[in-house]
Amino acid sequence: MRQIRLYVDMPLANVSELTLPAAVARHAVRVLRLADGQSVTLFNGDGCDYTGTLEHMQGNAAQVRLHAGRQLANEPAWPLTLVQCLAKGDKMDLVVQKATELGATRIVPTLGERSEVRLDAARADKRLKHWQAIAAAACEQCGRARLPVIEAPRPLAQWLQRLEPDSALRLALMPGAQKRIRDLVMPNEGAIMVIGPEGGLGDRDIAALTAAGFSGLALGPRILRTETAGLAALAAIHACHGDV
């Protein structure tokens, strides 16, 4: 039987009954066409799934009687941060969706030297909320109960300046690099992976990354598109280091 999972931004622990937020209730009624008495699973990002039963569904309103909560154990063994230079069109939507499914714990949209996408403050805030909604929907589908952190878009150099020191692997996808994913030793602090825009990382980007302790990584002899590269890297890390 299909499991219906719904993300709600509200407390769920020690709650016996709640009214679904209007947007979630509308999705349940109009899109999923759920009915009174059907089982649903709610999650709010705290790492738990909460099972419940729909009640009093009418129009765009619905209530859920919660039964139990359980801690999930399907997060990666180590943090994975994907630093993705903004891609054109709706490619970034795809990256956020699939990176969430692949277990990224943090997604950082950045603007590199050769980035063609530019966002003012208002558009950046709108896109951030849009990506957060995409990540929540991806978690509903893939069974994650923790949402990845998605940071506000900013220039790559600015983000590097604010990067705090830690023991995470610092990697940047660069054609011609000698390091391969199979050669990595994954620390408990995980890895940070930087992916350039359509035109690739520029000389200033590479200099800033090198100064910040990043090393080049190759995914083979072919040059991947920006929307493919980060997802392939995440999948390869899982395959080589024990998450699949």
C-alpha atoms as a PDB file:
ATOM      1  CA  MET A   1       0.000   0.000   0.000  1.00  0.00           C
ATOM      2  CA  ARG A   2       1.233   3.468  -0.873  1.00  0.00           C
ATOM      3  CA  GLN A   3       2.462   5.461   2.110  1.00  0.00           C
ATOM      4  CA  ILE A   4       1.284   9.082   2.112  1.00  0.00           C
ATOM      5  CA  ARG A   5       3.839  11.345   3.788  1.00  0.00           C
ATOM      6  CA  LEU A   6       3.141  15.037   4.384  1.00  0.00           C
ATOM      7  CA  TYR A   7       5.575  17.691   5.599  1.00  0.00           C
ATOM      8  CA  VAL A   8       4.173  20.115   8.167  1.00  0.00           C
ATOM      9  CA  ASP A   9       6.114  22.965   9.738  1.00  0.00           C
ATOM     10  CA  MET A  10       4.714  22.553  13.241  1.00  0.00           C
ATOM     11  CA  PRO A  11       5.388  20.583  16.454  1.00  0.00           C
ATOM     12  CA  LEU A  12       4.353  16.920  16.324  1.00  0.00           C
ATOM     13  CA  ALA A  13       5.934  15.260  19.360  1.00  0.00           C
ATOM     14  CA  ASN A  14       3.433  14.648  22.189  1.00  0.00           C
ATOM     15  CA  VAL A  15       0.553  15.912  20.022  1.00  0.00           C
ATOM     16  CA  SER A  16      -2.600  13.792  19.774  1.00  0.00           C
ATOM     17  CA  GLU A  17      -4.618  15.819  17.274  1.00  0.00           C
ATOM     18  CA  LEU A  18      -3.909  18.723  14.969  1.00  0.00           C
ATOM     19  CA  THR A  19      -5.374  20.756  12.145  1.00  0.00           C
ATOM     20  CA  LEU A  20      -3.319  20.593   8.971  1.00  0.00           C
ATOM     21  CA  PRO A  21      -2.006  23.909   7.605  1.00  0.00           C
ATOM     22  CA  ALA A  22      -4.245  25.181   4.800  1.00  0.00           C
ATOM     23  CA  ALA A  23      -1.770  24.489   1.986  1.00  0.00           C
ATOM     24  CA  VAL A  24      -1.089  20.941   3.215  1.00  0.00           C
ATOM     25  CA  ALA A  25      -4.805  20.230   3.658  1.00  0.00           C
ATOM     26  CA  ARG A  26      -5.547  21.583   0.179  1.00  0.00           C
ATOM     27  CA  HIS A  27      -2.869  19.289  -1.285  1.00  0.00           C
ATOM     28  CA  ALA A  28      -4.289  16.305   0.605  1.00  0.00           C
ATOM     29  CA  VAL A  29      -7.858  17.022  -0.508  1.00  0.00           C
ATOM     30  CA  ARG A  30      -7.496  18.423  -4.023  1.00  0.00           C
ATOM     31  CA  VAL A  31      -4.338  16.683  -5.308  1.00  0.00           C
ATOM     32  CA  LEU A  32      -4.066  13.419  -3.377  1.00  0.00           C
ATOM     33  CA  ARG A  33      -7.858  13.121  -3.004  1.00  0.00           C
ATOM     34  CA  LEU A  34      -7.581  11.631   0.458  1.00  0.00           C
ATOM     35  CA  ALA A  35     -10.666  10.893   2.521  1.00  0.00           C
ATOM     36  CA  ASP A  36     -11.709  10.557   6.160  1.00  0.00           C
ATOM     37  CA  GLY A  37     -10.220   7.503   7.807  1.00  0.00           C
ATOM     38  CA  GLN A  38      -7.165   7.217   5.576  1.00  0.00           C
ATOM     39  CA  SER A  39      -3.759   6.751   7.179  1.00  0.00           C
ATOM     40  CA  VAL A  40      -1.081   9.395   6.683  1.00  0.00           C
ATOM     41  CA  THR A  41       2.425   9.966   7.954  1.00  0.00           C
ATOM     42  CA  LEU A  42       3.463  13.454   9.033  1.00  0.00           C
ATOM     43  CA  PHE A  43       6.993  14.745   9.554  1.00  0.00           C
ATOM     44  CA  ASN A  44       8.421  18.131  10.469  1.00  0.00           C
ATOM     45  CA  GLY A  45      12.167  17.680  10.037  1.00  0.00           C
ATOM     46  CA  ASP A  46      12.967  16.451  13.539  1.00  0.00           C
ATOM     47  CA  GLY A  47      14.004  13.019  12.256  1.00  0.00           C
ATOM     48  CA  CYS A  48      10.768  11.221  13.140  1.00  0.00           C
ATOM     49  CA  ASP A  49       7.732   9.983  11.242  1.00  0.00           C
ATOM     50  CA  TYR A  50       4.365  10.375  12.964  1.00  0.00           C
ATOM     51  CA  THR A  51       1.543   8.088  11.852  1.00  0.00           C
ATOM     52  CA  GLY A  52      -2.025   9.278  12.017  1.00  0.00           C
ATOM     53  CA  THR A  53      -5.550   9.134  10.620  1.00  0.00           C
ATOM     54  CA  LEU A  54      -7.342  11.841   8.676  1.00  0.00           C
ATOM     55  CA  GLU A  55     -10.535  13.169  10.207  1.00  0.00           C
ATOM     56  CA  HIS A  56     -13.142  15.866   9.522  1.00  0.00           C
ATOM     57  CA  MET A  57     -12.030  16.577   5.954  1.00  0.00           C
ATOM     58  CA  GLN A  58     -14.140  19.301   4.403  1.00  0.00           C
ATOM     59  CA  GLY A  59     -13.266  21.726   1.629  1.00  0.00           C
ATOM     60  CA  ASN A  60      -9.660  22.741   2.185  1.00  0.00           C
ATOM     61  CA  ALA A  61      -9.627  21.773   5.860  1.00  0.00           C
ATOM     62  CA  ALA A  62      -8.536  18.552   7.518  1.00  0.00           C
ATOM     63  CA  GLN A  63      -7.547  17.234  10.913  1.00  0.00           C
ATOM     64  CA  VAL A  64      -5.212  14.374  11.805  1.00  0.00           C
ATOM     65  CA  ARG A  65      -5.361  12.173  14.894  1.00  0.00           C
ATOM     66  CA  LEU A  66      -1.777  11.147  15.610  1.00  0.00           C
ATOM     67  CA  HIS A  67      -0.992   7.674  16.906  1.00  0.00           C
ATOM     68  CA  ALA A  68       2.768   7.229  17.252  1.00  0.00           C
ATOM     69  CA  GLY A  69       6.138   8.618  16.295  1.00  0.00           C
ATOM     70  CA  ARG A  70       9.274   6.723  15.343  1.00  0.00           C
ATOM     71  CA  GLN A  71      12.841   7.809  14.749  1.00  0.00           C
ATOM     72  CA  LEU A  72      14.132   7.106  11.243  1.00  0.00           C
ATOM     73  CA  ALA A  73      17.664   5.962  10.498  1.00  0.00           C
ATOM     74  CA  ASN A  74      18.019   6.705   6.793  1.00  0.00           C
ATOM     75  CA  GLU A  75      20.275   9.769   6.886  1.00  0.00           C
ATOM     76  CA  PRO A  76      23.853   9.503   5.546  1.00  0.00           C
ATOM     77  CA  ALA A  77      26.524   8.374   7.972  1.00  0.00           C
ATOM     78  CA  TRP A  78      28.310  11.704   7.448  1.00  0.00           C
ATOM     79  CA  PRO A  79      27.256  15.217   6.406  1.00  0.00           C
ATOM     80  CA  LEU A  80      27.313  15.982   2.681  1.00  0.00           C
ATOM     81  CA  THR A  81      27.257  19.593   1.523  1.00  0.00           C
ATOM     82  CA  LEU A  82      26.618  20.343  -2.153  1.00  0.00           C
ATOM     83  CA  VAL A  83      27.816  23.793  -3.205  1.00  0.00           C
ATOM     84  CA  GLN A  84      26.144  24.337  -6.575  1.00  0.00           C
ATOM     85  CA  CYS A  85      26.806  27.360  -8.768  1.00  0.00           C
ATOM     86  CA  LEU A  86      23.428  28.545 -10.022  1.00  0.00           C
ATOM     87  CA  ALA A  87      22.315  26.947 -13.258  1.00  0.00           C
ATOM     88  CA  LYS A  88      20.054  28.501 -15.867  1.00  0.00           C
ATOM     89  CA  GLY A  89      16.337  27.849 -16.215  1.00  0.00           C
ATOM     90  CA  ASP A  90      14.804  25.238 -13.967  1.00  0.00           C
ATOM     91  CA  LYS A  91      17.985  23.152 -13.670  1.00  0.00           C
ATOM     92  CA  MET A  92      18.483  24.250 -10.076  1.00  0.00           C
ATOM     93  CA  ASP A  93      15.061  22.823  -9.190  1.00  0.00           C
ATOM     94  CA  LEU A  94      16.236  19.449 -10.478  1.00  0.00           C
ATOM     95  CA  VAL A  95      19.494  19.689  -8.528  1.00  0.00           C
ATOM     96  CA  VAL A  96      17.709  20.508  -5.260  1.00  0.00           C
ATOM     97  CA  GLN A  97      15.155  17.728  -5.730  1.00  0.00           C
ATOM     98  CA  LYS A  98      17.637  14.995  -6.619  1.00  0.00           C
ATOM     99  CA  ALA A  99      20.326  16.095  -4.162  1.00  0.00           C
ATOM    100  CA  THR A 100      17.700  15.825  -1.421  1.00  0.00           C
ATOM    101  CA  GLU A 101      16.814  12.306  -2.550  1.00  0.00           C
ATOM    102  CA  LEU A 102      20.522  11.418  -2.614  1.00  0.00           C
ATOM    103  CA  GLY A 103      21.028  12.475   0.988  1.00  0.00           C
ATOM    104  CA  ALA A 104      22.637  15.921   0.774  1.00  0.00           C
ATOM    105  CA  THR A 105      22.423  17.484   4.226  1.00  0.00           C
ATOM    106  CA  ARG A 106      23.184  21.021   3.040  1.00  0.00           C
ATOM    107  CA  ILE A 107      22.717  22.697  -0.351  1.00  0.00           C
ATOM    108  CA  VAL A 108      24.493  25.989  -1.011  1.00  0.00           C
ATOM    109  CA  PRO A 109      23.486  27.891  -4.180  1.00  0.00           C
ATOM    110  CA  THR A 110      26.372  30.161  -5.220  1.00  0.00           C
ATOM    111  CA  LEU A 111      27.408  32.464  -8.029  1.00  0.00           C
ATOM    112  CA  GLY A 112      30.763  31.739  -9.598  1.00  0.00           C
ATOM    113  CA  GLU A 113      32.982  33.841 -11.803  1.00  0.00           C
ATOM    114  CA  ARG A 114      31.324  32.495 -14.962  1.00  0.00           C
ATOM    115  CA  SER A 115      27.766  32.254 -13.653  1.00  0.00           C
ATOM    116  CA  GLU A 116      25.209  33.658 -16.069  1.00  0.00           C
ATOM    117  CA  VAL A 117      22.385  33.732 -13.515  1.00  0.00           C
ATOM    118  CA  ARG A 118      22.020  36.873 -11.420  1.00  0.00           C
ATOM    119  CA  LEU A 119      19.492  37.385  -8.615  1.00  0.00           C
ATOM    120  CA  ASP A 120      18.533  40.546  -6.753  1.00  0.00           C
ATOM    121  CA  ALA A 121      17.567  40.273  -3.078  1.00  0.00           C
ATOM    122  CA  ALA A 122      13.859  39.869  -3.737  1.00  0.00           C
ATOM    123  CA  ARG A 123      14.317  37.185  -6.375  1.00  0.00           C
ATOM    124  CA  ALA A 124      16.911  35.378  -4.254  1.00  0.00           C
ATOM    125  CA  ASP A 125      14.494  35.200  -1.313  1.00  0.00           C
ATOM    126  CA  LYS A 126      11.703  33.953  -3.576  1.00  0.00           C
ATOM    127  CA  ARG A 127      13.933  31.267  -5.099  1.00  0.00           C
ATOM    128  CA  LEU A 128      15.127  30.161  -1.661  1.00  0.00           C
ATOM    129  CA  LYS A 129      11.541  29.562  -0.482  1.00  0.00           C
ATOM    130  CA  HIS A 130      10.820  27.757  -3.761  1.00  0.00           C
ATOM    131  CA  TRP A 131      13.829  25.441  -3.308  1.00  0.00           C
ATOM    132  CA  GLN A 132      12.863  24.750   0.308  1.00  0.00           C
ATOM    133  CA  ALA A 133       9.416  23.653  -0.866  1.00  0.00           C
ATOM    134  CA  ILE A 134      10.999  21.394  -3.497  1.00  0.00           C
ATOM    135  CA  ALA A 135      13.243  19.827  -0.848  1.00  0.00           C
ATOM    136  CA  ALA A 136      10.256  19.211   1.448  1.00  0.00           C
ATOM    137  CA  ALA A 137       8.345  17.519  -1.384  1.00  0.00           C
ATOM    138  CA  ALA A 138      11.401  15.405  -2.195  1.00  0.00           C
ATOM    139  CA  CYS A 139      11.613  14.312   1.449  1.00  0.00           C
ATOM    140  CA  GLU A 140       7.932  13.337   1.344  1.00  0.00           C
ATOM    141  CA  GLN A 141       8.660  11.085  -1.628  1.00  0.00           C
ATOM    142  CA  CYS A 142      11.991   9.551  -0.635  1.00  0.00           C
ATOM    143  CA  GLY A 143      11.231   8.874   3.026  1.00  0.00           C
ATOM    144  CA  ARG A 144      13.636  11.308   4.670  1.00  0.00           C
ATOM    145  CA  ALA A 145      12.455  12.891   7.912  1.00  0.00           C
ATOM    146  CA  ARG A 146      15.150  15.577   8.016  1.00  0.00           C
ATOM    147  CA  LEU A 147      15.159  18.374   5.469  1.00  0.00           C
ATOM    148  CA  PRO A 148      18.463  19.513   4.023  1.00  0.00           C
ATOM    149  CA  VAL A 149      19.525  23.017   4.979  1.00  0.00           C
ATOM    150  CA  ILE A 150      19.326  25.269   1.923  1.00  0.00           C
ATOM    151  CA  GLU A 151      21.286  28.482   2.212  1.00  0.00           C
ATOM    152  CA  ALA A 152      20.499  31.788   0.542  1.00  0.00           C
ATOM    153  CA  PRO A 153      22.338  32.325  -2.771  1.00  0.00           C
ATOM    154  CA  ARG A 154      25.586  34.289  -2.505  1.00  0.00           C
ATOM    155  CA  PRO A 155      28.849  34.718  -4.455  1.00  0.00           C
ATOM    156  CA  LEU A 156      31.166  31.732  -4.132  1.00  0.00           C
ATOM    157  CA  ALA A 157      34.077  33.850  -2.912  1.00  0.00           C
ATOM    158  CA  GLN A 158      31.890  35.403  -0.202  1.00  0.00           C
ATOM    159  CA  TRP A 159      30.683  31.992   0.960  1.00  0.00           C
ATOM    160  CA  LEU A 160      34.272  30.712   1.131  1.00  0.00           C
ATOM    161  CA  GLN A 161      35.296  33.644   3.305  1.00  0.00           C
ATOM    162  CA  ARG A 162      32.626  32.679   5.862  1.00  0.00           C
ATOM    163  CA  LEU A 163      33.401  28.958   5.800  1.00  0.00           C
ATOM    164  CA  GLU A 164      34.396  27.853   9.279  1.00  0.00           C
ATOM    165  CA  PRO A 165      37.362  25.495   9.723  1.00  0.00           C
ATOM    166  CA  ASP A 166      36.536  21.815  10.215  1.00  0.00           C
ATOM    167  CA  SER A 167      37.773  18.394   9.161  1.00  0.00           C
ATOM    168  CA  ALA A 168      35.343  17.826   6.288  1.00  0.00           C
ATOM    169  CA  LEU A 169      36.836  16.897   2.935  1.00  0.00           C
ATOM    170  CA  ARG A 170      36.886  19.984   0.706  1.00  0.00           C
ATOM    171  CA  LEU A 171      36.466  19.013  -2.931  1.00  0.00           C
ATOM    172  CA  ALA A 172      35.762  20.846  -6.180  1.00  0.00           C
ATOM    173  CA  LEU A 173      34.880  19.063  -9.403  1.00  0.00           C
ATOM    174  CA  MET A 174      37.544  19.942 -11.959  1.00  0.00           C
ATOM    175  CA  PRO A 175      38.229  18.244 -15.294  1.00  0.00           C
ATOM    176  CA  GLY A 176      41.783  16.913 -15.379  1.00  0.00           C
ATOM    177  CA  ALA A 177      42.088  16.485 -11.621  1.00  0.00           C
ATOM    178  CA  GLN A 178      43.835  13.314 -10.472  1.00  0.00           C
ATOM    179  CA  LYS A 179      41.842  12.572  -7.302  1.00  0.00           C
ATOM    180  CA  ARG A 180      38.970  10.087  -7.629  1.00  0.00           C
ATOM    181  CA  ILE A 181      36.067   9.396  -5.291  1.00  0.00           C
ATOM    182  CA  ARG A 182      37.182   5.799  -4.769  1.00  0.00           C
ATOM    183  CA  ASP A 183      40.458   7.116  -3.312  1.00  0.00           C
ATOM    184  CA  LEU A 184      38.802   9.271  -0.644  1.00  0.00           C
ATOM    185  CA  VAL A 185      38.827   8.453   3.047  1.00  0.00           C
ATOM    186  CA  MET A 186      35.584   9.853   4.415  1.00  0.00           C
ATOM    187  CA  PRO A 187      35.950  11.553   7.836  1.00  0.00           C
ATOM    188  CA  ASN A 188      33.110  11.756  10.339  1.00  0.00           C
ATOM    189  CA  GLU A 189      32.675  15.411   9.325  1.00  0.00           C
ATOM    190  CA  GLY A 190      31.811  14.291   5.780  1.00  0.00           C
ATOM    191  CA  ALA A 191      32.518  16.240   2.615  1.00  0.00           C
ATOM    192  CA  ILE A 192      31.852  19.537   0.877  1.00  0.00           C
ATOM    193  CA  MET A 193      31.519  19.307  -2.911  1.00  0.00           C
ATOM    194  CA  VAL A 194      31.711  22.417  -5.136  1.00  0.00           C
ATOM    195  CA  ILE A 195      30.225  22.316  -8.640  1.00  0.00           C
ATOM    196  CA  GLY A 196      30.853  25.109 -11.143  1.00  0.00           C
ATOM    197  CA  PRO A 197      28.269  26.741 -13.453  1.00  0.00           C
ATOM    198  CA  GLU A 198      27.662  25.966 -17.137  1.00  0.00           C
ATOM    199  CA  GLY A 199      30.965  27.554 -18.134  1.00  0.00           C
ATOM    200  CA  GLY A 200      32.932  25.812 -15.386  1.00  0.00           C
ATOM    201  CA  LEU A 201      34.929  27.308 -12.533  1.00  0.00           C
ATOM    202  CA  GLY A 202      36.949  30.380 -13.464  1.00  0.00           C
ATOM    203  CA  ASP A 203      40.547  31.104 -12.531  1.00  0.00           C
ATOM    204  CA  ARG A 204      39.508  33.360  -9.640  1.00  0.00           C
ATOM    205  CA  ASP A 205      37.110  30.677  -8.376  1.00  0.00           C
ATOM    206  CA  ILE A 206      39.857  28.053  -8.451  1.00  0.00           C
ATOM    207  CA  ALA A 207      42.315  30.359  -6.702  1.00  0.00           C
ATOM    208  CA  ALA A 208      39.779  31.105  -3.953  1.00  0.00           C
ATOM    209  CA  LEU A 209      38.943  27.420  -3.549  1.00  0.00           C
ATOM    210  CA  THR A 210      42.611  26.453  -3.356  1.00  0.00           C
ATOM    211  CA  ALA A 211      43.249  29.125  -0.743  1.00  0.00           C
ATOM    212  CA  ALA A 212      40.333  27.721   1.279  1.00  0.00           C
ATOM    213  CA  GLY A 213      41.798  24.199   1.235  1.00  0.00           C
ATOM    214  CA  PHE A 214      39.773  22.655  -1.576  1.00  0.00           C
ATOM    215  CA  SER A 215      41.343  20.109  -3.899  1.00  0.00           C
ATOM    216  CA  GLY A 216      40.296  19.064  -7.386  1.00  0.00           C
ATOM    217  CA  LEU A 217      38.214  15.958  -7.997  1.00  0.00           C
ATOM    218  CA  ALA A 218      37.465  14.165 -11.262  1.00  0.00           C
ATOM    219  CA  LEU A 219      34.500  11.925 -12.086  1.00  0.00           C
ATOM    220  CA  GLY A 220      36.074  10.290 -15.106  1.00  0.00           C
ATOM    221  CA  PRO A 221      37.146  11.271 -18.634  1.00  0.00           C
ATOM    222  CA  ARG A 222      33.907  12.991 -19.661  1.00  0.00           C
ATOM    223  CA  ILE A 223      32.805  16.540 -18.856  1.00  0.00           C
ATOM    224  CA  LEU A 224      29.407  16.488 -17.158  1.00  0.00           C
ATOM    225  CA  ARG A 225      26.777  19.197 -17.296  1.00  0.00           C
ATOM    226  CA  THR A 226      26.482  21.297 -14.156  1.00  0.00           C
ATOM    227  CA  GLU A 227      23.089  19.809 -13.265  1.00  0.00           C
ATOM    228  CA  THR A 228      24.510  16.278 -13.662  1.00  0.00           C
ATOM    229  CA  ALA A 229      27.894  16.637 -11.972  1.00  0.00           C
ATOM    230  CA  GLY A 230      26.886  17.162  -8.359  1.00  0.00           C
ATOM    231  CA  LEU A 231      24.248  14.446  -8.461  1.00  0.00           C
ATOM    232  CA  ALA A 232      26.705  11.979  -9.981  1.00  0.00           C
ATOM    233  CA  ALA A 233      29.248  12.865  -7.301  1.00  0.00           C
ATOM    234  CA  LEU A 234      26.740  12.312  -4.481  1.00  0.00           C
ATOM    235  CA  ALA A 235      25.701   8.949  -5.907  1.00  0.00           C
ATOM    236  CA  ALA A 236      29.329   7.898  -6.374  1.00  0.00           C
ATOM    237  CA  ILE A 237      30.227   8.857  -2.798  1.00  0.00           C
ATOM    238  CA  HIS A 238      27.382   6.681  -1.496  1.00  0.00           C
ATOM    239  CA  ALA A 239      28.360   3.782  -3.762  1.00  0.00           C
ATOM    240  CA  CYS A 240      32.046   3.904  -2.827  1.00  0.00           C
ATOM    241  CA  HIS A 241      31.680   4.614   0.877  1.00  0.00           C
ATOM    242  CA  GLY A 242      28.901   2.397   2.103  1.00  0.00           C
ATOM    243  CA  ASP A 243      25.511   4.105   1.880  1.00  0.00           C
ATOM    244  CA  VAL A 244      24.091   1.782  -0.806  1.00  0.00           C
END
